[in-house]
Amino acid sequence: MAKDKDQIKAEQQELAPEYDSHDNLDLRGTMVSVLTLGAIFAVLWFAIFILFIERI
């Protein structure tokens, strides 16, 4: 009976879908891209704000 449970467990592990682990991802490039885009948005926002204030 113990063998049956072990065999069932082994079969379930073989049939179980494999999930990718996200622990090994290198996200430094993503962070640099997001920070660059945020900096561009901030500079554009301040430039438009200054232009708006000068025209008042």
N, C-alpha and C. Protein backbone atom coordinates (compact mmCIF):
# COMPACT_ATOMS: atom_id res chain seq x y z
N MET A 1 0.82 -1.19 0.00
CA MET A 1 0.00 0.00 0.00
C MET A 1 0.87 1.26 0.00
N ALA A 2 2.00 1.24 0.67
CA ALA A 2 2.90 2.39 0.68
C ALA A 2 3.45 2.65 -0.71
N LYS A 3 3.69 1.59 -1.44
CA LYS A 3 4.19 1.75 -2.80
C LYS A 3 3.16 2.43 -3.68
N ASP A 4 1.91 2.12 -3.46
CA ASP A 4 0.86 2.75 -4.26
C ASP A 4 0.84 4.25 -4.06
N LYS A 5 0.95 4.69 -2.82
CA LYS A 5 0.96 6.13 -2.53
C LYS A 5 2.19 6.79 -3.12
N ASP A 6 3.33 6.12 -3.03
CA ASP A 6 4.55 6.68 -3.60
C ASP A 6 4.46 6.75 -5.12
N GLN A 7 3.89 5.73 -5.72
CA GLN A 7 3.73 5.74 -7.17
C GLN A 7 2.77 6.83 -7.60
N ILE A 8 1.69 7.00 -6.86
CA ILE A 8 0.72 8.05 -7.19
C ILE A 8 1.37 9.42 -7.06
N LYS A 9 2.14 9.62 -6.00
CA LYS A 9 2.84 10.90 -5.81
C LYS A 9 3.81 11.17 -6.95
N ALA A 10 4.55 10.14 -7.35
CA ALA A 10 5.52 10.28 -8.44
C ALA A 10 4.81 10.61 -9.75
N GLU A 11 3.69 9.97 -10.00
CA GLU A 11 2.93 10.23 -11.22
C GLU A 11 2.37 11.65 -11.22
N GLN A 12 1.90 12.10 -10.06
CA GLN A 12 1.37 13.46 -9.98
C GLN A 12 2.45 14.49 -10.21
N GLN A 13 3.65 14.23 -9.70
CA GLN A 13 4.76 15.17 -9.90
C GLN A 13 5.17 15.20 -11.36
N GLU A 14 5.11 14.05 -12.04
CA GLU A 14 5.45 14.02 -13.47
C GLU A 14 4.42 14.76 -14.29
N LEU A 15 3.16 14.65 -13.91
CA LEU A 15 2.08 15.26 -14.68
C LEU A 15 1.85 16.72 -14.31
N ALA A 16 2.36 17.15 -13.17
CA ALA A 16 2.15 18.53 -12.72
C ALA A 16 2.84 19.49 -13.66
N PRO A 17 2.19 20.59 -13.98
CA PRO A 17 2.83 21.58 -14.86
C PRO A 17 4.03 22.21 -14.16
N GLU A 18 5.04 22.48 -14.94
CA GLU A 18 6.24 23.10 -14.39
C GLU A 18 6.08 24.61 -14.42
N TYR A 19 6.25 25.24 -13.29
CA TYR A 19 6.14 26.68 -13.19
C TYR A 19 7.53 27.29 -13.17
N ASP A 20 7.69 28.38 -13.91
CA ASP A 20 8.97 29.06 -13.92
C ASP A 20 9.14 29.83 -12.62
N SER A 21 10.30 29.73 -12.06
CA SER A 21 10.60 30.48 -10.85
C SER A 21 11.05 31.88 -11.24
N HIS A 22 10.47 32.88 -10.63
CA HIS A 22 10.82 34.26 -10.94
C HIS A 22 11.92 34.77 -10.04
N ASP A 23 12.45 33.91 -9.20
CA ASP A 23 13.50 34.33 -8.29
C ASP A 23 14.83 34.61 -8.99
N ASN A 24 15.04 34.00 -10.13
CA ASN A 24 16.32 34.12 -10.82
C ASN A 24 16.35 35.20 -11.88
N LEU A 25 15.29 35.99 -11.99
CA LEU A 25 15.23 37.01 -13.03
C LEU A 25 16.10 38.21 -12.65
N ASP A 26 16.77 38.76 -13.65
CA ASP A 26 17.58 39.96 -13.45
C ASP A 26 16.77 41.15 -13.98
N LEU A 27 16.29 41.97 -13.07
CA LEU A 27 15.39 43.06 -13.45
C LEU A 27 16.07 44.42 -13.42
N ARG A 28 17.40 44.44 -13.44
CA ARG A 28 18.10 45.73 -13.41
C ARG A 28 17.81 46.55 -14.66
N GLY A 29 17.74 45.92 -15.81
CA GLY A 29 17.43 46.64 -17.04
C GLY A 29 16.03 47.24 -17.00
N THR A 30 15.10 46.51 -16.43
CA THR A 30 13.74 47.02 -16.29
C THR A 30 13.71 48.24 -15.39
N MET A 31 14.46 48.17 -14.28
CA MET A 31 14.50 49.30 -13.35
C MET A 31 15.11 50.53 -14.02
N VAL A 32 16.19 50.34 -14.77
CA VAL A 32 16.82 51.47 -15.47
C VAL A 32 15.86 52.07 -16.48
N SER A 33 15.14 51.24 -17.22
CA SER A 33 14.18 51.73 -18.21
C SER A 33 13.06 52.52 -17.55
N VAL A 34 12.54 52.01 -16.44
CA VAL A 34 11.45 52.70 -15.75
C VAL A 34 11.93 54.02 -15.17
N LEU A 35 13.12 54.02 -14.57
CA LEU A 35 13.65 55.27 -14.01
C LEU A 35 13.93 56.30 -15.10
N THR A 36 14.44 55.85 -16.25
CA THR A 36 14.69 56.76 -17.37
C THR A 36 13.38 57.36 -17.88
N LEU A 37 12.39 56.52 -18.05
CA LEU A 37 11.09 57.01 -18.51
C LEU A 37 10.48 57.97 -17.49
N GLY A 38 10.60 57.66 -16.21
CA GLY A 38 10.10 58.55 -15.16
C GLY A 38 10.82 59.88 -15.16
N ALA A 39 12.13 59.86 -15.38
CA ALA A 39 12.90 61.11 -15.44
C ALA A 39 12.47 61.95 -16.63
N ILE A 40 12.24 61.32 -17.76
CA ILE A 40 11.78 62.05 -18.95
C ILE A 40 10.42 62.70 -18.67
N PHE A 41 9.50 61.94 -18.07
CA PHE A 41 8.19 62.49 -17.73
C PHE A 41 8.31 63.66 -16.77
N ALA A 42 9.17 63.53 -15.76
CA ALA A 42 9.34 64.60 -14.77
C ALA A 42 9.90 65.85 -15.42
N VAL A 43 10.92 65.72 -16.27
CA VAL A 43 11.52 66.87 -16.95
C VAL A 43 10.49 67.54 -17.86
N LEU A 44 9.74 66.75 -18.61
CA LEU A 44 8.72 67.33 -19.48
C LEU A 44 7.63 68.02 -18.67
N TRP A 45 7.22 67.42 -17.55
CA TRP A 45 6.18 68.04 -16.73
C TRP A 45 6.66 69.39 -16.20
N PHE A 46 7.89 69.44 -15.67
CA PHE A 46 8.41 70.71 -15.15
C PHE A 46 8.59 71.74 -16.25
N ALA A 47 9.03 71.31 -17.44
CA ALA A 47 9.19 72.24 -18.56
C ALA A 47 7.84 72.84 -18.95
N ILE A 48 6.82 72.03 -19.03
CA ILE A 48 5.49 72.53 -19.38
C ILE A 48 4.93 73.41 -18.26
N PHE A 49 5.19 73.03 -17.01
CA PHE A 49 4.73 73.82 -15.88
C PHE A 49 5.38 75.21 -15.87
N ILE A 50 6.70 75.26 -16.12
CA ILE A 50 7.41 76.53 -16.16
C ILE A 50 6.89 77.39 -17.31
N LEU A 51 6.65 76.75 -18.47
CA LEU A 51 6.09 77.48 -19.62
C LEU A 51 4.71 78.04 -19.26
N PHE A 52 3.91 77.27 -18.56
CA PHE A 52 2.57 77.71 -18.14
C PHE A 52 2.67 78.89 -17.18
N ILE A 53 3.59 78.81 -16.21
CA ILE A 53 3.74 79.88 -15.22
C ILE A 53 4.22 81.16 -15.89
N GLU A 54 5.12 81.07 -16.85
CA GLU A 54 5.66 82.26 -17.53
C GLU A 54 4.58 82.96 -18.35
N ARG A 55 3.62 82.24 -18.84
CA ARG A 55 2.59 82.83 -19.69
C ARG A 55 1.43 83.40 -18.92
N ILE A 56 1.40 83.23 -17.61
CA ILE A 56 0.28 83.77 -16.81
C ILE A 56 0.44 85.27 -16.67
